[in-house]
């Protein structure tokens, strides 16, 4: 119900754009966002956006990544610029109710897309 696309391999300093399309069964009032995970770390916040456009970013990506959403299309995007090797991870799209502070395992998650940044 969440389908991600746009991952891949890029050199440090490059850019990638991730997309995540949500099925119509997922409410457009949900917060949508991106989390990432590596084998060495727990899943961590990258960025989220409410249906009203309020955004939240991890400190490590502020100024480099931009999250946006198209509510009629129920799609969220993550523009990633000035990529660093430490951005290498599997990126997961998520959608969860506005009243939650953060998503849980029981909320909507995509299958994940690999982003690899070479030095």
N, C-alpha and C. Protein backbone atom coordinates (compact mmCIF):
# COMPACT_ATOMS: atom_id res chain seq x y z
N UNK A 1 0.81 -1.20 0.00
CA UNK A 1 0.00 0.00 0.00
C UNK A 1 0.85 1.26 0.00
N UNK A 2 2.11 1.15 0.32
CA UNK A 2 3.08 2.22 0.15
C UNK A 2 4.14 1.68 -0.79
N UNK A 3 4.30 2.33 -1.94
CA UNK A 3 5.24 1.85 -2.94
C UNK A 3 6.31 2.91 -3.16
N UNK A 4 7.53 2.54 -2.84
CA UNK A 4 8.66 3.47 -2.94
C UNK A 4 9.41 3.27 -4.25
N UNK A 5 10.06 4.33 -4.69
CA UNK A 5 10.91 4.25 -5.86
C UNK A 5 11.96 5.35 -5.77
N UNK A 6 13.04 5.19 -6.54
CA UNK A 6 14.02 6.26 -6.66
C UNK A 6 15.36 6.01 -6.00
N UNK A 7 15.52 4.91 -5.30
CA UNK A 7 16.81 4.64 -4.68
C UNK A 7 17.85 4.28 -5.73
N UNK A 8 19.09 4.12 -5.27
CA UNK A 8 20.15 3.74 -6.18
C UNK A 8 21.52 4.06 -5.64
N UNK A 9 22.49 4.05 -6.54
CA UNK A 9 23.89 4.30 -6.21
C UNK A 9 24.28 5.67 -6.75
N UNK A 10 24.91 6.48 -5.91
CA UNK A 10 25.32 7.82 -6.32
C UNK A 10 26.63 8.16 -5.63
N UNK A 11 27.41 9.01 -6.26
CA UNK A 11 28.66 9.45 -5.65
C UNK A 11 28.38 10.53 -4.62
N UNK A 12 29.30 10.64 -3.67
CA UNK A 12 29.19 11.69 -2.66
C UNK A 12 29.07 13.05 -3.33
N UNK A 13 28.18 13.86 -2.78
CA UNK A 13 27.91 15.17 -3.37
C UNK A 13 26.78 15.18 -4.37
N UNK A 14 26.33 14.00 -4.76
CA UNK A 14 25.27 13.89 -5.74
C UNK A 14 23.89 13.99 -5.12
N UNK A 15 22.88 13.75 -5.96
CA UNK A 15 21.48 13.89 -5.54
C UNK A 15 20.67 12.67 -5.96
N UNK A 16 19.62 12.42 -5.20
CA UNK A 16 18.62 11.41 -5.53
C UNK A 16 17.27 11.93 -5.08
N UNK A 17 16.22 11.46 -5.72
CA UNK A 17 14.86 11.81 -5.32
C UNK A 17 14.08 10.53 -5.10
N UNK A 18 13.56 10.36 -3.91
CA UNK A 18 12.72 9.21 -3.58
C UNK A 18 11.25 9.60 -3.68
N UNK A 19 10.44 8.65 -4.12
CA UNK A 19 9.00 8.85 -4.17
C UNK A 19 8.31 7.72 -3.43
N UNK A 20 7.17 8.02 -2.88
CA UNK A 20 6.38 7.01 -2.18
C UNK A 20 4.90 7.29 -2.47
N UNK A 21 4.28 6.36 -3.17
CA UNK A 21 2.87 6.49 -3.52
C UNK A 21 2.03 5.64 -2.58
N UNK A 22 1.04 6.26 -1.94
CA UNK A 22 0.16 5.55 -1.04
C UNK A 22 -1.14 5.21 -1.74
N UNK A 23 -1.66 4.03 -1.44
CA UNK A 23 -2.93 3.63 -2.02
C UNK A 23 -4.05 4.49 -1.44
N UNK A 24 -5.19 4.49 -2.13
CA UNK A 24 -6.31 5.32 -1.70
C UNK A 24 -6.91 4.87 -0.37
N UNK A 25 -6.57 3.67 0.07
CA UNK A 25 -7.09 3.20 1.36
C UNK A 25 -6.37 3.87 2.53
N UNK A 26 -5.27 4.55 2.24
CA UNK A 26 -4.53 5.25 3.29
C UNK A 26 -4.98 6.70 3.31
N UNK A 27 -5.43 7.11 4.48
CA UNK A 27 -5.99 8.45 4.60
C UNK A 27 -4.97 9.53 4.27
N UNK A 28 -5.46 10.53 3.52
CA UNK A 28 -4.61 11.67 3.19
C UNK A 28 -4.36 12.58 4.38
N UNK A 29 -5.02 12.33 5.49
CA UNK A 29 -4.76 13.14 6.68
C UNK A 29 -3.57 12.62 7.48
N UNK A 30 -3.06 11.45 7.09
CA UNK A 30 -1.92 10.88 7.81
C UNK A 30 -0.66 11.73 7.64
N UNK A 31 0.16 11.68 8.66
CA UNK A 31 1.54 12.16 8.48
C UNK A 31 2.23 11.16 7.56
N UNK A 32 3.06 11.66 6.65
CA UNK A 32 3.86 10.77 5.81
C UNK A 32 5.32 11.14 5.99
N UNK A 33 6.18 10.17 5.83
CA UNK A 33 7.58 10.50 6.04
C UNK A 33 8.52 9.38 5.65
N UNK A 34 9.77 9.63 5.95
CA UNK A 34 10.85 8.70 5.62
C UNK A 34 11.70 8.42 6.85
N UNK A 35 11.99 7.15 7.03
CA UNK A 35 12.94 6.68 8.03
C UNK A 35 14.02 5.88 7.30
N UNK A 36 15.16 5.70 7.92
CA UNK A 36 16.22 4.91 7.29
C UNK A 36 16.86 3.98 8.31
N UNK A 37 17.47 2.91 7.80
CA UNK A 37 18.05 1.90 8.68
C UNK A 37 19.29 1.31 8.03
N UNK A 38 20.30 1.08 8.86
CA UNK A 38 21.49 0.35 8.45
C UNK A 38 21.64 -0.85 9.38
N UNK A 39 22.49 -1.81 9.00
CA UNK A 39 22.70 -2.97 9.90
C UNK A 39 23.26 -2.55 11.27
N UNK A 40 23.92 -1.41 11.33
CA UNK A 40 24.55 -0.99 12.58
C UNK A 40 23.64 -0.13 13.45
N UNK A 41 22.54 0.36 12.88
CA UNK A 41 21.70 1.30 13.62
C UNK A 41 20.24 0.88 13.58
N UNK A 42 19.52 1.33 14.59
CA UNK A 42 18.07 1.17 14.57
C UNK A 42 17.48 2.12 13.53
N UNK A 43 16.25 1.85 13.14
CA UNK A 43 15.57 2.71 12.19
C UNK A 43 15.48 4.12 12.79
N UNK A 44 15.83 5.11 12.00
CA UNK A 44 15.86 6.48 12.50
C UNK A 44 15.09 7.42 11.58
N UNK A 45 14.60 8.48 12.18
CA UNK A 45 13.87 9.51 11.44
C UNK A 45 14.77 10.19 10.42
N UNK A 46 14.21 10.41 9.22
CA UNK A 46 14.85 11.28 8.24
C UNK A 46 14.04 12.57 8.14
N UNK A 47 12.76 12.44 7.78
CA UNK A 47 11.91 13.62 7.65
C UNK A 47 10.45 13.18 7.61
N UNK A 48 9.57 14.06 8.11
CA UNK A 48 8.14 13.82 8.03
C UNK A 48 7.43 15.09 7.59
N UNK A 49 6.20 14.91 7.11
CA UNK A 49 5.41 16.04 6.67
C UNK A 49 3.94 15.74 6.92
N UNK A 50 3.22 16.73 7.47
CA UNK A 50 1.79 16.57 7.69
C UNK A 50 1.04 16.92 6.41
N UNK A 51 -0.26 16.64 6.39
CA UNK A 51 -1.06 16.98 5.23
C UNK A 51 -1.13 18.50 5.04
N UNK A 52 -0.91 19.23 6.12
CA UNK A 52 -0.92 20.69 6.04
C UNK A 52 0.42 21.28 5.65
N UNK A 53 1.45 20.41 5.50
CA UNK A 53 2.75 20.87 5.04
C UNK A 53 3.77 21.16 6.12
N UNK A 54 3.43 20.84 7.36
CA UNK A 54 4.41 21.05 8.43
C UNK A 54 5.46 19.96 8.36
N UNK A 55 6.73 20.34 8.38
CA UNK A 55 7.82 19.38 8.21
C UNK A 55 8.67 19.25 9.46
N UNK A 56 9.34 18.11 9.55
CA UNK A 56 10.27 17.84 10.63
C UNK A 56 11.43 17.05 10.04
N UNK A 57 12.66 17.46 10.35
CA UNK A 57 13.84 16.83 9.80
C UNK A 57 14.80 16.39 10.90
N UNK A 58 15.51 15.32 10.64
CA UNK A 58 16.64 14.96 11.50
C UNK A 58 17.73 16.01 11.32
N UNK A 59 18.44 16.30 12.39
CA UNK A 59 19.50 17.32 12.32
C UNK A 59 20.53 16.97 11.25
N UNK A 60 20.78 15.69 11.05
CA UNK A 60 21.83 15.26 10.12
C UNK A 60 21.50 15.55 8.66
N UNK A 61 20.23 15.82 8.35
CA UNK A 61 19.85 16.04 6.95
C UNK A 61 19.35 17.46 6.69
N UNK A 62 19.20 18.25 7.73
CA UNK A 62 18.70 19.62 7.56
C UNK A 62 19.62 20.40 6.60
N UNK A 63 18.98 21.11 5.68
CA UNK A 63 19.73 21.90 4.71
C UNK A 63 20.16 21.11 3.49
N UNK A 64 20.02 19.78 3.53
CA UNK A 64 20.41 18.94 2.38
C UNK A 64 19.22 18.21 1.78
N UNK A 65 18.29 17.78 2.63
CA UNK A 65 17.12 17.02 2.18
C UNK A 65 15.87 17.89 2.27
N UNK A 66 14.94 17.66 1.35
CA UNK A 66 13.66 18.36 1.36
C UNK A 66 12.54 17.37 1.15
N UNK A 67 11.59 17.37 2.07
CA UNK A 67 10.42 16.50 1.95
C UNK A 67 9.25 17.33 1.44
N UNK A 68 8.44 16.72 0.59
CA UNK A 68 7.25 17.39 0.07
C UNK A 68 6.19 16.33 -0.19
N UNK A 69 4.95 16.77 -0.37
CA UNK A 69 3.89 15.80 -0.66
C UNK A 69 2.88 16.42 -1.60
N UNK A 70 2.25 15.53 -2.36
CA UNK A 70 1.17 15.88 -3.27
C UNK A 70 -0.06 15.20 -2.71
N UNK A 71 -0.91 15.96 -2.01
CA UNK A 71 -2.05 15.35 -1.34
C UNK A 71 -3.05 14.69 -2.31
N UNK A 72 -3.42 15.34 -3.43
CA UNK A 72 -4.33 14.65 -4.35
C UNK A 72 -3.79 13.32 -4.85
N UNK A 73 -2.48 13.24 -5.04
CA UNK A 73 -1.87 11.99 -5.51
C UNK A 73 -1.51 11.06 -4.34
N UNK A 74 -1.66 11.57 -3.11
CA UNK A 74 -1.30 10.78 -1.93
C UNK A 74 0.13 10.25 -2.04
N UNK A 75 1.02 11.13 -2.41
CA UNK A 75 2.42 10.77 -2.66
C UNK A 75 3.34 11.72 -1.90
N UNK A 76 4.41 11.16 -1.37
CA UNK A 76 5.41 11.94 -0.67
C UNK A 76 6.76 11.77 -1.38
N UNK A 77 7.54 12.84 -1.37
CA UNK A 77 8.83 12.84 -2.04
C UNK A 77 9.93 13.23 -1.05
N UNK A 78 11.13 12.76 -1.34
CA UNK A 78 12.29 13.17 -0.57
C UNK A 78 13.40 13.51 -1.55
N UNK A 79 13.69 14.81 -1.66
CA UNK A 79 14.79 15.26 -2.50
C UNK A 79 16.04 15.28 -1.63
N UNK A 80 17.03 14.51 -2.03
CA UNK A 80 18.26 14.39 -1.25
C UNK A 80 19.42 14.97 -2.04
N UNK A 81 20.00 16.04 -1.52
CA UNK A 81 21.13 16.70 -2.17
C UNK A 81 22.37 16.61 -1.29
N UNK A 82 23.51 16.86 -1.87
CA UNK A 82 24.80 16.85 -1.17
C UNK A 82 24.90 15.57 -0.35
N UNK A 83 24.66 14.45 -1.01
CA UNK A 83 24.65 13.16 -0.30
C UNK A 83 26.04 12.80 0.21
N UNK A 84 26.05 12.15 1.36
CA UNK A 84 27.28 11.74 2.02
C UNK A 84 27.29 10.22 2.17
N UNK A 85 28.47 9.62 2.28
CA UNK A 85 28.50 8.15 2.49
C UNK A 85 27.69 7.72 3.71
N UNK A 86 27.63 8.55 4.73
CA UNK A 86 26.86 8.17 5.93
C UNK A 86 25.36 8.21 5.71
N UNK A 87 24.90 8.69 4.55
CA UNK A 87 23.48 8.62 4.20
C UNK A 87 23.11 7.25 3.64
N UNK A 88 24.10 6.41 3.40
CA UNK A 88 23.84 5.06 2.89
C UNK A 88 22.97 4.29 3.86
N UNK A 89 21.85 3.78 3.38
CA UNK A 89 20.88 3.07 4.22
C UNK A 89 19.74 2.56 3.35
N UNK A 90 18.90 1.76 3.96
CA UNK A 90 17.61 1.44 3.34
C UNK A 90 16.62 2.48 3.84
N UNK A 91 15.95 3.12 2.93
CA UNK A 91 14.99 4.18 3.25
C UNK A 91 13.57 3.62 3.17
N UNK A 92 12.82 3.85 4.23
CA UNK A 92 11.45 3.36 4.33
C UNK A 92 10.47 4.52 4.38
N UNK A 93 9.43 4.40 3.59
CA UNK A 93 8.32 5.35 3.64
C UNK A 93 7.33 4.89 4.71
N UNK A 94 6.70 5.83 5.38
CA UNK A 94 5.72 5.49 6.39
C UNK A 94 4.56 6.47 6.36
N UNK A 95 3.42 6.02 6.85
CA UNK A 95 2.24 6.87 7.01
C UNK A 95 1.58 6.50 8.32
N UNK A 96 1.25 7.50 9.12
CA UNK A 96 0.68 7.22 10.44
C UNK A 96 -0.22 8.38 10.86
N UNK A 97 -1.09 8.12 11.83
CA UNK A 97 -2.05 9.16 12.23
C UNK A 97 -1.38 10.38 12.82
N UNK A 98 -1.99 11.52 12.62
CA UNK A 98 -1.42 12.78 13.08
C UNK A 98 -1.26 12.81 14.59
N UNK A 99 -2.15 12.09 15.31
CA UNK A 99 -2.12 12.17 16.77
C UNK A 99 -0.94 11.40 17.38
N UNK A 100 -0.28 10.57 16.57
CA UNK A 100 0.92 9.88 17.08
C UNK A 100 2.14 10.79 16.93
N UNK A 101 3.03 10.72 17.92
CA UNK A 101 4.27 11.48 17.82
C UNK A 101 5.22 10.87 16.81
N UNK A 102 5.14 9.55 16.62
CA UNK A 102 6.02 8.86 15.69
C UNK A 102 5.34 7.56 15.26
N UNK A 103 5.77 6.97 14.16
CA UNK A 103 5.11 5.74 13.69
C UNK A 103 5.48 4.54 14.55
N UNK A 104 4.58 3.57 14.55
CA UNK A 104 4.85 2.30 15.22
C UNK A 104 4.95 1.20 14.17
N UNK A 105 5.33 0.02 14.61
CA UNK A 105 5.46 -1.12 13.69
C UNK A 105 4.12 -1.45 13.05
N UNK A 106 3.04 -1.12 13.69
CA UNK A 106 1.71 -1.44 13.18
C UNK A 106 1.16 -0.44 12.18
N UNK A 107 1.88 0.65 11.98
CA UNK A 107 1.44 1.64 10.99
C UNK A 107 1.88 1.20 9.59
N UNK A 108 1.59 2.04 8.60
CA UNK A 108 1.92 1.69 7.23
C UNK A 108 3.41 1.91 6.96
N UNK A 109 4.01 0.89 6.32
CA UNK A 109 5.42 0.99 5.94
C UNK A 109 5.60 0.46 4.52
N UNK A 110 6.50 1.09 3.78
CA UNK A 110 6.87 0.57 2.48
C UNK A 110 7.88 -0.56 2.63
N UNK A 111 8.25 -1.12 1.48
CA UNK A 111 9.16 -2.27 1.48
C UNK A 111 10.61 -1.84 1.63
N UNK A 112 10.89 -0.56 1.46
CA UNK A 112 12.25 -0.05 1.60
C UNK A 112 12.95 0.06 0.26
N UNK A 113 13.78 1.08 0.12
CA UNK A 113 14.58 1.25 -1.09
C UNK A 113 16.01 1.59 -0.68
N UNK A 114 16.96 0.94 -1.32
CA UNK A 114 18.36 1.09 -0.96
C UNK A 114 18.94 2.37 -1.57
N UNK A 115 19.61 3.14 -0.73
CA UNK A 115 20.38 4.29 -1.18
C UNK A 115 21.83 4.04 -0.77
N UNK A 116 22.72 4.07 -1.76
CA UNK A 116 24.13 3.85 -1.50
C UNK A 116 24.93 5.05 -2.03
N UNK A 117 25.71 5.65 -1.15
CA UNK A 117 26.51 6.81 -1.52
C UNK A 117 27.98 6.42 -1.44
N UNK A 118 28.66 6.46 -2.56
CA UNK A 118 30.06 6.07 -2.59
C UNK A 118 30.95 7.30 -2.37
N UNK A 119 32.09 7.06 -1.74
CA UNK A 119 33.01 8.17 -1.44
C UNK A 119 33.99 8.40 -2.58
